[in-house]
Each structure stands twice: as C-alpha cells, then as structure tokens.
C-alpha cells in the first residue's frame, strides 16, 4: 500500500482541494492517506509556515499549488516502483535473476585472506615457535648443517644461555646458573 501524507491546516482552500483530489484518486490508485494538521504541532508549524498543502508520496514531495495530475503522476511512480521491486524480489528468490559481480585477483585474495587469516596467523606462530625445537632434534639425528642455520637465525632473538634454556637431549632438562659455568654475570 502506498503511504501518502497530506500536511494541511484548517480553513485552507488549497488543502481541501488537495484532500478532495487524493480521495478521488483513491479509486484509481489505492493508497493509505494520513492527514496532519501543521497547526497542531509547533515543529511542523515552524517547518511549513504558510506553505501548505504539502503532499508526501513515498520519496516525492509536492508543494502548493498542487494539481491533480501531479498527485496522480507521483502515485503512479511509487506504484510502478513497488511493482518493479516485487518483480525483482520474486526473480531473485526463484533464481531467475543473478547479479553479476566482477572480481579481480586482488578481490579474490582479500576474500580468501579474510576467511583464513586466523589459520594463517596460527600456522606462522606454530612454525616460529616450533622451529627452535627442531634444531636439537636435527643435531641429535646428525643433520648438523640445518640445525646450525636454525641456531644462527634464532641467535638474533634468543639469548641462548644454558642456564635459561631447556635441553631436549641433555643429561637433564635444565641446568642451574651455578653449573652453567658463567661467572661474573648478574
């Protein structure tokens, strides 16, 4: 149903003509009419002043003087718009209409990243934390070159003090500072 609002005031001849035109058009184009007296509300009185009648038909606003054909054109425009929206909704629901979207490779990558960023972050953290555990395992197995590369790469972010480290294949898992043989350090 089309919503129509008529802003008017008492003893206004143009308002009465606009109301009569809207009532006559009711039979041709059904609509729900709301009549608002602007003198009953201070804000509306200040907003409209003496510029009444004003007819609001959907997104269209008609100001005095209002012709019957102007109201009819506005009503038909809103009616047509509603019919088109209904047809589009039905077509989309039935799958007869699909809105094409052009994706670039960067759009596809952004979508993939937005769906997988947490897994990617967790994998990177797991690799960063897991590689230092791989170095002693490689040393134990006898593959020393990759183990030395790992030790060297992590030497920039790791202290590598024996008394502050865990030993996977040592005689014990940790060594106290006294046994580390580091003297003169606080």
N, C-alpha and C. Protein backbone atom coordinates (compact mmCIF):
# COMPACT_ATOMS: atom_id res chain seq x y z
N UNK A 1 0.85 -1.18 0.00
CA UNK A 1 0.00 0.00 0.00
C UNK A 1 0.89 1.24 0.00
N UNK A 2 0.53 2.18 -0.80
CA UNK A 2 1.29 3.42 -0.91
C UNK A 2 0.91 4.34 0.24
N UNK A 3 1.93 4.83 0.94
CA UNK A 3 1.70 5.76 2.05
C UNK A 3 1.72 7.19 1.52
N UNK A 4 0.66 7.94 1.82
CA UNK A 4 0.55 9.33 1.40
C UNK A 4 0.27 10.17 2.64
N UNK A 5 1.02 11.25 2.80
CA UNK A 5 0.82 12.16 3.93
C UNK A 5 0.47 13.54 3.38
N UNK A 6 -0.64 14.09 3.88
CA UNK A 6 -1.06 15.43 3.49
C UNK A 6 -0.88 16.35 4.70
N UNK A 7 0.02 17.31 4.58
CA UNK A 7 0.22 18.32 5.62
C UNK A 7 -0.69 19.50 5.26
N UNK A 8 -1.62 19.81 6.16
CA UNK A 8 -2.58 20.87 5.87
C UNK A 8 -2.90 21.64 7.14
N UNK A 9 -3.87 22.57 7.00
CA UNK A 9 -4.37 23.29 8.17
C UNK A 9 -5.84 23.59 7.94
N UNK A 10 -6.51 23.96 8.99
CA UNK A 10 -7.94 24.28 8.90
C UNK A 10 -8.13 25.57 8.11
N UNK A 11 -9.29 25.66 7.48
CA UNK A 11 -9.67 26.85 6.72
C UNK A 11 -8.66 27.16 5.61
N UNK A 12 -8.18 26.11 4.94
CA UNK A 12 -7.23 26.27 3.84
C UNK A 12 -7.88 25.68 2.60
N UNK A 13 -8.25 26.55 1.66
CA UNK A 13 -8.95 26.10 0.45
C UNK A 13 -8.08 25.15 -0.38
N UNK A 14 -6.79 25.46 -0.54
CA UNK A 14 -5.91 24.60 -1.32
C UNK A 14 -5.76 23.23 -0.66
N UNK A 15 -5.79 23.19 0.68
CA UNK A 15 -5.69 21.92 1.41
C UNK A 15 -6.93 21.07 1.14
N UNK A 16 -8.09 21.72 1.11
CA UNK A 16 -9.34 21.00 0.85
C UNK A 16 -9.34 20.45 -0.57
N UNK A 17 -8.83 21.20 -1.53
CA UNK A 17 -8.76 20.74 -2.92
C UNK A 17 -7.80 19.54 -3.02
N UNK A 18 -6.64 19.63 -2.36
CA UNK A 18 -5.67 18.53 -2.39
C UNK A 18 -6.27 17.27 -1.76
N UNK A 19 -7.01 17.43 -0.66
CA UNK A 19 -7.66 16.29 0.00
C UNK A 19 -8.70 15.68 -0.92
N UNK A 20 -9.50 16.52 -1.58
CA UNK A 20 -10.53 16.02 -2.50
C UNK A 20 -9.87 15.27 -3.66
N UNK A 21 -8.78 15.80 -4.20
CA UNK A 21 -8.07 15.12 -5.30
C UNK A 21 -7.53 13.76 -4.86
N UNK A 22 -6.98 13.70 -3.65
CA UNK A 22 -6.44 12.44 -3.14
C UNK A 22 -7.55 11.42 -2.94
N UNK A 23 -8.71 11.87 -2.46
CA UNK A 23 -9.84 10.95 -2.26
C UNK A 23 -10.37 10.45 -3.60
N UNK A 24 -10.39 11.31 -4.62
CA UNK A 24 -10.83 10.88 -5.95
C UNK A 24 -9.85 9.87 -6.55
N UNK A 25 -8.58 10.07 -6.32
CA UNK A 25 -7.56 9.16 -6.86
C UNK A 25 -7.51 7.83 -6.10
N UNK A 26 -8.14 7.76 -4.95
CA UNK A 26 -8.15 6.53 -4.14
C UNK A 26 -8.74 5.38 -4.95
N UNK A 27 -9.77 5.65 -5.75
CA UNK A 27 -10.41 4.59 -6.54
C UNK A 27 -9.50 4.12 -7.68
N UNK A 28 -8.68 5.01 -8.22
CA UNK A 28 -7.82 4.66 -9.34
C UNK A 28 -6.53 4.00 -8.85
N UNK A 29 -5.90 4.63 -7.87
CA UNK A 29 -4.64 4.12 -7.31
C UNK A 29 -4.82 4.04 -5.79
N UNK A 30 -5.04 2.84 -5.26
CA UNK A 30 -5.27 2.71 -3.81
C UNK A 30 -4.04 3.18 -3.03
N UNK A 31 -4.32 3.93 -1.97
CA UNK A 31 -3.23 4.42 -1.12
C UNK A 31 -3.78 4.66 0.29
N UNK A 32 -2.88 4.72 1.24
CA UNK A 32 -3.24 5.00 2.63
C UNK A 32 -2.93 6.46 2.90
N UNK A 33 -3.96 7.23 3.20
CA UNK A 33 -3.80 8.68 3.36
C UNK A 33 -3.79 9.04 4.84
N UNK A 34 -2.79 9.82 5.23
CA UNK A 34 -2.70 10.38 6.58
C UNK A 34 -2.71 11.89 6.45
N UNK A 35 -3.67 12.53 7.13
CA UNK A 35 -3.78 13.98 7.09
C UNK A 35 -3.26 14.52 8.41
N UNK A 36 -2.29 15.42 8.33
CA UNK A 36 -1.68 16.00 9.54
C UNK A 36 -1.91 17.50 9.53
N UNK A 37 -2.47 17.99 10.63
CA UNK A 37 -2.70 19.43 10.79
C UNK A 37 -1.41 20.05 11.33
N UNK A 38 -0.78 20.92 10.53
CA UNK A 38 0.51 21.50 10.93
C UNK A 38 0.36 22.48 12.10
N UNK A 39 -0.85 23.00 12.30
CA UNK A 39 -1.05 23.92 13.42
C UNK A 39 -1.09 23.19 14.75
N UNK A 40 -1.25 21.87 14.73
CA UNK A 40 -1.30 21.09 15.97
C UNK A 40 0.07 20.77 16.53
N UNK A 41 1.13 21.07 15.79
CA UNK A 41 2.49 20.76 16.22
C UNK A 41 3.38 21.98 15.93
N UNK A 42 4.07 22.46 16.96
CA UNK A 42 4.91 23.65 16.81
C UNK A 42 6.03 23.43 15.80
N UNK A 43 6.65 22.27 15.84
CA UNK A 43 7.74 21.98 14.90
C UNK A 43 7.25 22.01 13.45
N UNK A 44 6.09 21.38 13.22
CA UNK A 44 5.55 21.37 11.86
C UNK A 44 5.13 22.77 11.43
N UNK A 45 4.55 23.54 12.35
CA UNK A 45 4.15 24.91 12.01
C UNK A 45 5.38 25.74 11.62
N UNK A 46 6.47 25.56 12.38
CA UNK A 46 7.71 26.28 12.05
C UNK A 46 8.32 25.78 10.74
N UNK A 47 8.20 24.47 10.48
CA UNK A 47 8.77 23.88 9.28
C UNK A 47 8.03 24.31 8.02
N UNK A 48 6.71 24.25 8.06
CA UNK A 48 5.93 24.55 6.86
C UNK A 48 5.47 26.00 6.78
N UNK A 49 5.23 26.63 7.92
CA UNK A 49 4.73 28.00 7.90
C UNK A 49 3.41 28.07 7.16
N UNK A 50 3.33 28.95 6.15
CA UNK A 50 2.11 29.07 5.36
C UNK A 50 2.21 28.29 4.04
N UNK A 51 3.27 27.50 3.88
CA UNK A 51 3.48 26.73 2.65
C UNK A 51 2.75 25.39 2.71
N UNK A 52 1.44 25.44 2.85
CA UNK A 52 0.63 24.23 2.83
C UNK A 52 -0.39 24.39 1.72
N UNK A 53 -0.89 23.36 1.15
CA UNK A 53 -0.69 21.97 1.50
C UNK A 53 0.63 21.43 0.93
N UNK A 54 1.13 20.39 1.61
CA UNK A 54 2.28 19.63 1.14
C UNK A 54 1.85 18.16 1.13
N UNK A 55 2.06 17.50 0.00
CA UNK A 55 1.71 16.08 -0.13
C UNK A 55 3.01 15.30 -0.27
N UNK A 56 3.19 14.33 0.63
CA UNK A 56 4.36 13.46 0.60
C UNK A 56 3.90 12.09 0.09
N UNK A 57 4.36 11.70 -1.09
CA UNK A 57 4.02 10.41 -1.69
C UNK A 57 5.32 9.64 -1.85
N UNK A 58 5.58 8.70 -0.94
CA UNK A 58 6.85 7.98 -0.98
C UNK A 58 8.00 8.96 -0.90
N UNK A 59 8.92 8.93 -1.86
CA UNK A 59 10.05 9.87 -1.82
C UNK A 59 9.73 11.24 -2.44
N UNK A 60 8.53 11.39 -2.97
CA UNK A 60 8.17 12.62 -3.68
C UNK A 60 7.43 13.57 -2.75
N UNK A 61 7.79 14.85 -2.83
CA UNK A 61 7.14 15.88 -2.03
C UNK A 61 6.58 16.93 -2.98
N UNK A 62 5.26 17.15 -2.90
CA UNK A 62 4.59 18.13 -3.74
C UNK A 62 4.14 19.30 -2.87
N UNK A 63 4.45 20.51 -3.30
CA UNK A 63 4.07 21.71 -2.55
C UNK A 63 3.02 22.50 -3.33
N UNK A 64 2.30 23.33 -2.63
CA UNK A 64 1.24 24.14 -3.23
C UNK A 64 1.81 25.05 -4.30
N UNK A 65 1.10 25.27 -5.34
CA UNK A 65 -0.20 24.70 -5.72
C UNK A 65 -0.01 23.30 -6.30
N UNK A 66 -0.91 22.40 -5.93
CA UNK A 66 -0.79 21.00 -6.33
C UNK A 66 -1.91 20.68 -7.30
N UNK A 67 -1.54 20.21 -8.47
CA UNK A 67 -2.51 19.79 -9.48
C UNK A 67 -2.83 18.32 -9.25
N UNK A 68 -4.03 17.93 -9.66
CA UNK A 68 -4.46 16.53 -9.52
C UNK A 68 -3.54 15.61 -10.33
N UNK A 69 -3.14 16.05 -11.52
CA UNK A 69 -2.28 15.21 -12.36
C UNK A 69 -0.90 15.02 -11.73
N UNK A 70 -0.41 16.02 -10.97
CA UNK A 70 0.88 15.87 -10.29
C UNK A 70 0.80 14.78 -9.22
N UNK A 71 -0.32 14.78 -8.49
CA UNK A 71 -0.51 13.75 -7.46
C UNK A 71 -0.61 12.38 -8.14
N UNK A 72 -1.35 12.30 -9.23
CA UNK A 72 -1.51 11.03 -9.93
C UNK A 72 -0.17 10.52 -10.47
N UNK A 73 0.63 11.41 -11.03
CA UNK A 73 1.94 11.02 -11.55
C UNK A 73 2.82 10.48 -10.42
N UNK A 74 2.78 11.15 -9.27
CA UNK A 74 3.59 10.69 -8.13
C UNK A 74 3.09 9.34 -7.63
N UNK A 75 1.77 9.18 -7.53
CA UNK A 75 1.22 7.90 -7.08
C UNK A 75 1.58 6.77 -8.06
N UNK A 76 1.47 7.05 -9.35
CA UNK A 76 1.82 6.01 -10.34
C UNK A 76 3.31 5.68 -10.31
N UNK A 77 4.14 6.68 -10.07
CA UNK A 77 5.59 6.43 -9.99
C UNK A 77 5.92 5.52 -8.81
N UNK A 78 5.32 5.81 -7.66
CA UNK A 78 5.57 4.96 -6.48
C UNK A 78 4.99 3.57 -6.70
N UNK A 79 3.79 3.50 -7.31
CA UNK A 79 3.17 2.21 -7.59
C UNK A 79 4.06 1.39 -8.53
N UNK A 80 4.54 2.01 -9.58
CA UNK A 80 5.42 1.32 -10.53
C UNK A 80 6.70 0.85 -9.85
N UNK A 81 7.26 1.69 -9.01
CA UNK A 81 8.48 1.33 -8.28
C UNK A 81 8.24 0.11 -7.39
N UNK A 82 7.12 0.09 -6.68
CA UNK A 82 6.81 -1.05 -5.81
C UNK A 82 6.61 -2.32 -6.63
N UNK A 83 5.94 -2.21 -7.80
CA UNK A 83 5.74 -3.38 -8.66
C UNK A 83 7.08 -3.91 -9.16
N UNK A 84 7.98 -3.02 -9.55
CA UNK A 84 9.29 -3.45 -10.03
C UNK A 84 10.10 -4.13 -8.93
N UNK A 85 10.05 -3.56 -7.73
CA UNK A 85 10.75 -4.18 -6.59
C UNK A 85 10.20 -5.57 -6.31
N UNK A 86 8.86 -5.73 -6.38
CA UNK A 86 8.25 -7.04 -6.14
C UNK A 86 8.69 -8.04 -7.21
N UNK A 87 8.73 -7.60 -8.48
CA UNK A 87 9.16 -8.49 -9.55
C UNK A 87 10.62 -8.91 -9.37
N UNK A 88 11.46 -7.97 -8.98
CA UNK A 88 12.87 -8.30 -8.76
C UNK A 88 13.03 -9.27 -7.60
N UNK A 89 12.27 -9.04 -6.52
CA UNK A 89 12.36 -9.95 -5.37
C UNK A 89 11.96 -11.36 -5.75
N UNK A 90 10.88 -11.49 -6.52
CA UNK A 90 10.42 -12.81 -6.96
C UNK A 90 11.48 -13.46 -7.87
N UNK A 91 12.03 -12.69 -8.80
CA UNK A 91 13.04 -13.23 -9.72
C UNK A 91 14.28 -13.69 -8.97
N UNK A 92 14.69 -12.93 -7.97
CA UNK A 92 15.88 -13.32 -7.19
C UNK A 92 15.59 -14.58 -6.39
N UNK A 93 14.41 -14.65 -5.77
CA UNK A 93 14.05 -15.84 -4.97
C UNK A 93 13.95 -17.09 -5.83
N UNK A 94 13.42 -16.94 -7.05
CA UNK A 94 13.27 -18.09 -7.95
C UNK A 94 14.57 -18.43 -8.66
N UNK A 95 15.59 -17.61 -8.53
CA UNK A 95 16.87 -17.88 -9.16
C UNK A 95 16.94 -17.47 -10.62
N UNK A 96 15.94 -16.73 -11.11
CA UNK A 96 15.95 -16.29 -12.50
C UNK A 96 16.84 -15.07 -12.70
N UNK A 97 17.18 -14.40 -11.63
CA UNK A 97 18.00 -13.20 -11.74
C UNK A 97 19.21 -13.35 -10.83
N UNK A 98 20.35 -13.19 -11.40
CA UNK A 98 21.57 -13.20 -10.63
C UNK A 98 22.33 -11.93 -10.96
N UNK A 99 22.82 -11.31 -9.94
CA UNK A 99 23.55 -10.07 -10.12
C UNK A 99 25.02 -10.41 -10.33
N UNK A 100 25.57 -10.11 -11.53
CA UNK A 100 26.98 -10.47 -11.79
C UNK A 100 27.92 -9.56 -11.00
N UNK A 101 28.95 -10.18 -10.48
CA UNK A 101 29.97 -9.44 -9.74
C UNK A 101 31.31 -9.72 -10.40
N UNK A 102 32.01 -8.70 -10.80
CA UNK A 102 33.33 -8.84 -11.39
C UNK A 102 34.38 -8.80 -10.29
N UNK A 103 35.15 -9.88 -10.18
CA UNK A 103 36.17 -9.98 -9.14
C UNK A 103 37.54 -9.90 -9.79
N UNK A 104 38.40 -9.11 -9.22
CA UNK A 104 39.79 -9.11 -9.66
C UNK A 104 40.54 -10.12 -8.81
N UNK A 105 41.78 -10.38 -9.17
CA UNK A 105 42.58 -11.32 -8.38
C UNK A 105 42.82 -10.80 -6.98
N UNK A 106 42.99 -9.49 -6.85
CA UNK A 106 43.20 -8.93 -5.51
C UNK A 106 41.93 -9.04 -4.67
N UNK A 107 40.74 -8.92 -5.29
CA UNK A 107 39.49 -9.12 -4.56
C UNK A 107 39.39 -10.56 -4.06
N UNK A 108 39.75 -11.50 -4.92
CA UNK A 108 39.72 -12.91 -4.53
C UNK A 108 40.70 -13.20 -3.41
N UNK A 109 41.89 -12.61 -3.50
CA UNK A 109 42.87 -12.81 -2.44
C UNK A 109 42.39 -12.19 -1.13
N UNK A 110 41.79 -11.00 -1.21
CA UNK A 110 41.28 -10.36 0.00
C UNK A 110 40.19 -11.20 0.64
N UNK A 111 39.29 -11.78 -0.17
CA UNK A 111 38.26 -12.64 0.37
C UNK A 111 38.87 -13.88 1.01
N UNK A 112 39.82 -14.51 0.33
CA UNK A 112 40.48 -15.70 0.91
C UNK A 112 41.16 -15.34 2.22
N UNK A 113 41.89 -14.22 2.24
CA UNK A 113 42.60 -13.81 3.45
C UNK A 113 41.63 -13.50 4.58
N UNK A 114 40.49 -12.88 4.27
CA UNK A 114 39.52 -12.57 5.32
C UNK A 114 38.90 -13.82 5.91
N UNK A 115 38.86 -14.89 5.14
CA UNK A 115 38.30 -16.15 5.64
C UNK A 115 39.34 -17.02 6.34
N UNK A 116 40.63 -16.82 6.06
CA UNK A 116 41.66 -17.72 6.56
C UNK A 116 42.76 -17.03 7.35
N UNK A 117 42.59 -15.76 7.71
CA UNK A 117 43.68 -15.03 8.36
C UNK A 117 44.08 -15.64 9.70
N UNK A 118 43.12 -16.12 10.46
CA UNK A 118 43.46 -16.68 11.77
C UNK A 118 44.24 -17.99 11.64
N UNK A 119 43.85 -18.84 10.71
CA UNK A 119 44.59 -20.08 10.48
C UNK A 119 46.00 -19.77 9.99
N UNK A 120 46.12 -18.81 9.10
CA UNK A 120 47.44 -18.41 8.60
C UNK A 120 48.31 -17.86 9.73
N UNK A 121 47.73 -17.04 10.57
CA UNK A 121 48.47 -16.49 11.72
C UNK A 121 48.91 -17.61 12.66
N UNK A 122 48.02 -18.55 12.95
CA UNK A 122 48.36 -19.66 13.84
C UNK A 122 49.46 -20.54 13.25
N UNK A 123 49.42 -20.77 11.96
CA UNK A 123 50.47 -21.57 11.32
C UNK A 123 51.82 -20.86 11.43
N UNK A 124 51.84 -19.56 11.17
CA UNK A 124 53.09 -18.80 11.28
C UNK A 124 53.64 -18.83 12.70
N UNK A 125 52.78 -18.67 13.68
CA UNK A 125 53.23 -18.73 15.08
C UNK A 125 53.73 -20.13 15.42
N UNK A 126 53.02 -21.16 14.95
CA UNK A 126 53.44 -22.53 15.21
C UNK A 126 54.82 -22.79 14.60
N UNK A 127 55.04 -22.31 13.38
CA UNK A 127 56.34 -22.50 12.73
C UNK A 127 57.41 -21.74 13.49
N UNK A 128 57.13 -20.49 13.87
CA UNK A 128 58.12 -19.67 14.59
C UNK A 128 58.49 -20.29 15.93
N UNK A 129 57.51 -20.83 16.63
CA UNK A 129 57.79 -21.44 17.94
C UNK A 129 58.31 -22.86 17.78
N UNK A 130 57.91 -23.55 16.71
CA UNK A 130 58.28 -24.95 16.55
C UNK A 130 59.67 -25.19 16.00
N UNK A 131 60.17 -24.28 15.18
CA UNK A 131 61.49 -24.49 14.57
C UNK A 131 62.61 -24.59 15.62
N UNK A 132 62.60 -23.80 16.70
CA UNK A 132 63.68 -23.97 17.69
C UNK A 132 63.70 -25.37 18.32
N UNK A 133 62.55 -26.04 18.37
CA UNK A 133 62.53 -27.41 18.88
C UNK A 133 63.07 -28.40 17.84
N UNK A 134 63.05 -27.98 16.59
CA UNK A 134 63.56 -28.84 15.52
C UNK A 134 65.09 -28.88 15.51
N UNK A 135 65.74 -27.78 15.91
CA UNK A 135 67.20 -27.71 15.87
C UNK A 135 67.86 -28.79 16.73
N UNK A 136 67.49 -28.97 18.00
CA UNK A 136 68.14 -30.04 18.78
C UNK A 136 67.82 -31.44 18.25
N UNK A 137 66.64 -31.61 17.67
CA UNK A 137 66.29 -32.92 17.10
C UNK A 137 67.20 -33.20 15.90
N UNK A 138 67.42 -32.21 15.07
CA UNK A 138 68.32 -32.39 13.93
C UNK A 138 69.74 -32.67 14.39
N UNK A 139 70.20 -31.99 15.44
CA UNK A 139 71.55 -32.25 15.97
C UNK A 139 71.66 -33.67 16.49
N UNK A 140 70.62 -34.13 17.18
CA UNK A 140 70.64 -35.49 17.74
C UNK A 140 70.70 -36.54 16.63
N UNK A 141 69.99 -36.30 15.52
CA UNK A 141 69.95 -37.23 14.41
C UNK A 141 71.23 -37.18 13.60
N UNK A 142 71.97 -36.05 13.71
CA UNK A 142 73.22 -35.94 13.00
C UNK A 142 73.15 -35.03 11.78
N UNK A 143 72.07 -34.34 11.60
CA UNK A 143 71.94 -33.40 10.49
C UNK A 143 72.29 -32.02 11.05
N UNK A 144 73.57 -31.74 11.10
CA UNK A 144 74.03 -30.56 11.83
C UNK A 144 73.93 -29.26 11.03
N UNK A 145 74.07 -29.31 9.71
CA UNK A 145 74.07 -28.06 8.93
C UNK A 145 72.74 -27.30 9.07
N UNK A 146 71.58 -27.94 8.84
CA UNK A 146 70.32 -27.20 9.03
C UNK A 146 70.12 -26.77 10.48
N UNK A 147 70.60 -27.59 11.42
CA UNK A 147 70.47 -27.22 12.83
C UNK A 147 71.28 -25.97 13.13
N UNK A 148 72.50 -25.87 12.59
CA UNK A 148 73.32 -24.68 12.80
C UNK A 148 72.68 -23.44 12.18
N UNK A 149 72.04 -23.62 11.03
CA UNK A 149 71.33 -22.49 10.39
C UNK A 149 70.21 -22.01 11.30
N UNK A 150 69.46 -22.93 11.88
CA UNK A 150 68.36 -22.55 12.79
C UNK A 150 68.93 -21.84 14.02
N UNK A 151 69.99 -22.41 14.62
CA UNK A 151 70.60 -21.77 15.79
C UNK A 151 71.09 -20.36 15.45
N UNK A 152 71.70 -20.22 14.28
CA UNK A 152 72.21 -18.91 13.89
C UNK A 152 71.05 -17.92 13.64
N UNK A 153 70.00 -18.37 12.97
CA UNK A 153 68.86 -17.48 12.67
C UNK A 153 68.18 -17.01 13.94
N UNK A 154 68.06 -17.88 14.92
CA UNK A 154 67.39 -17.51 16.17
C UNK A 154 68.34 -16.82 17.16
N UNK A 155 69.62 -16.75 16.84
CA UNK A 155 70.56 -16.09 17.77
C UNK A 155 70.26 -14.60 17.89
N UNK A 156 69.55 -14.03 16.90
CA UNK A 156 69.22 -12.60 16.96
C UNK A 156 68.07 -12.30 17.92
N UNK A 157 67.24 -13.28 18.19
CA UNK A 157 66.09 -13.05 19.08
C UNK A 157 66.12 -13.93 20.33
N UNK A 158 67.11 -14.78 20.46
CA UNK A 158 67.17 -15.69 21.60
C UNK A 158 68.52 -15.52 22.31
N UNK A 159 68.50 -15.51 23.64
CA UNK A 159 69.73 -15.32 24.44
C UNK A 159 70.65 -16.52 24.34
N UNK A 160 70.13 -17.72 24.25
CA UNK A 160 70.85 -18.99 24.17
C UNK A 160 71.82 -19.20 25.33
N UNK A 161 71.43 -18.75 26.52
CA UNK A 161 72.19 -19.06 27.73
C UNK A 161 71.75 -20.42 28.23
N UNK A 162 72.69 -21.24 28.62
CA UNK A 162 72.37 -22.59 29.07
C UNK A 162 71.52 -22.57 30.34
N UNK A 163 71.77 -21.62 31.24
CA UNK A 163 71.03 -21.60 32.50
C UNK A 163 69.61 -21.05 32.32
N UNK A 164 69.29 -20.52 31.13
CA UNK A 164 67.93 -20.03 30.86
C UNK A 164 67.29 -20.80 29.71
N UNK A 165 67.73 -22.03 29.49
CA UNK A 165 67.22 -22.83 28.38
C UNK A 165 66.81 -24.20 28.86
N UNK A 166 66.03 -24.88 28.05
CA UNK A 166 65.67 -26.27 28.29
C UNK A 166 66.48 -27.12 27.31
N UNK A 167 66.81 -28.33 27.73
CA UNK A 167 67.61 -29.23 26.91
C UNK A 167 66.79 -30.48 26.61
N UNK A 168 66.53 -30.70 25.34
CA UNK A 168 65.73 -31.85 24.98
C UNK A 168 66.53 -33.15 25.10
N UNK A 169 67.81 -33.13 24.76
CA UNK A 169 68.58 -34.36 24.76
C UNK A 169 69.81 -34.25 25.67
N UNK A 170 69.72 -33.40 26.66
CA UNK A 170 70.84 -33.27 27.59
C UNK A 170 70.74 -34.31 28.70
N UNK A 171 71.71 -34.26 29.62
CA UNK A 171 71.67 -35.18 30.75
C UNK A 171 70.50 -34.87 31.65
N UNK A 172 70.11 -33.61 31.71
CA UNK A 172 68.91 -33.19 32.43
C UNK A 172 68.24 -32.10 31.62
N UNK A 173 67.01 -31.80 31.96
CA UNK A 173 66.23 -30.86 31.13
C UNK A 173 66.66 -29.41 31.32
N UNK A 174 67.16 -29.05 32.49
CA UNK A 174 67.60 -27.67 32.75
C UNK A 174 68.82 -27.71 33.65
N UNK A 175 69.63 -26.64 33.57
CA UNK A 175 70.84 -26.55 34.37
C UNK A 175 70.80 -25.25 35.16
N UNK A 176 71.14 -25.30 36.47
CA UNK A 176 71.14 -24.08 37.25
C UNK A 176 72.34 -23.19 36.84
N UNK A 177 72.26 -21.94 37.20
CA UNK A 177 73.30 -20.98 36.83
C UNK A 177 74.67 -21.40 37.35
N UNK A 178 74.71 -21.95 38.54
CA UNK A 178 76.00 -22.34 39.13
C UNK A 178 76.70 -23.40 38.27
N UNK A 179 75.95 -24.30 37.68
CA UNK A 179 76.54 -25.34 36.86
C UNK A 179 76.80 -24.89 35.42
N UNK A 180 76.27 -23.75 35.06
CA UNK A 180 76.45 -23.26 33.69
C UNK A 180 77.87 -22.77 33.43
N UNK A 181 78.58 -22.48 34.50
CA UNK A 181 79.97 -22.05 34.34
C UNK A 181 80.07 -20.62 33.85
N UNK A 182 79.09 -19.85 34.09
CA UNK A 182 79.11 -18.45 33.68
C UNK A 182 79.36 -17.63 34.93
N UNK A 183 80.55 -17.05 35.03
CA UNK A 183 80.85 -16.27 36.23
C UNK A 183 80.85 -14.79 35.89
N UNK A 184 80.55 -13.97 36.85
CA UNK A 184 80.60 -12.54 36.66
C UNK A 184 79.36 -11.94 36.01
N UNK A 185 78.36 -12.74 35.73
CA UNK A 185 77.13 -12.21 35.15
C UNK A 185 76.06 -12.10 36.21
N UNK A 186 75.28 -11.05 36.13
CA UNK A 186 74.18 -10.88 37.06
C UNK A 186 72.91 -11.31 36.36
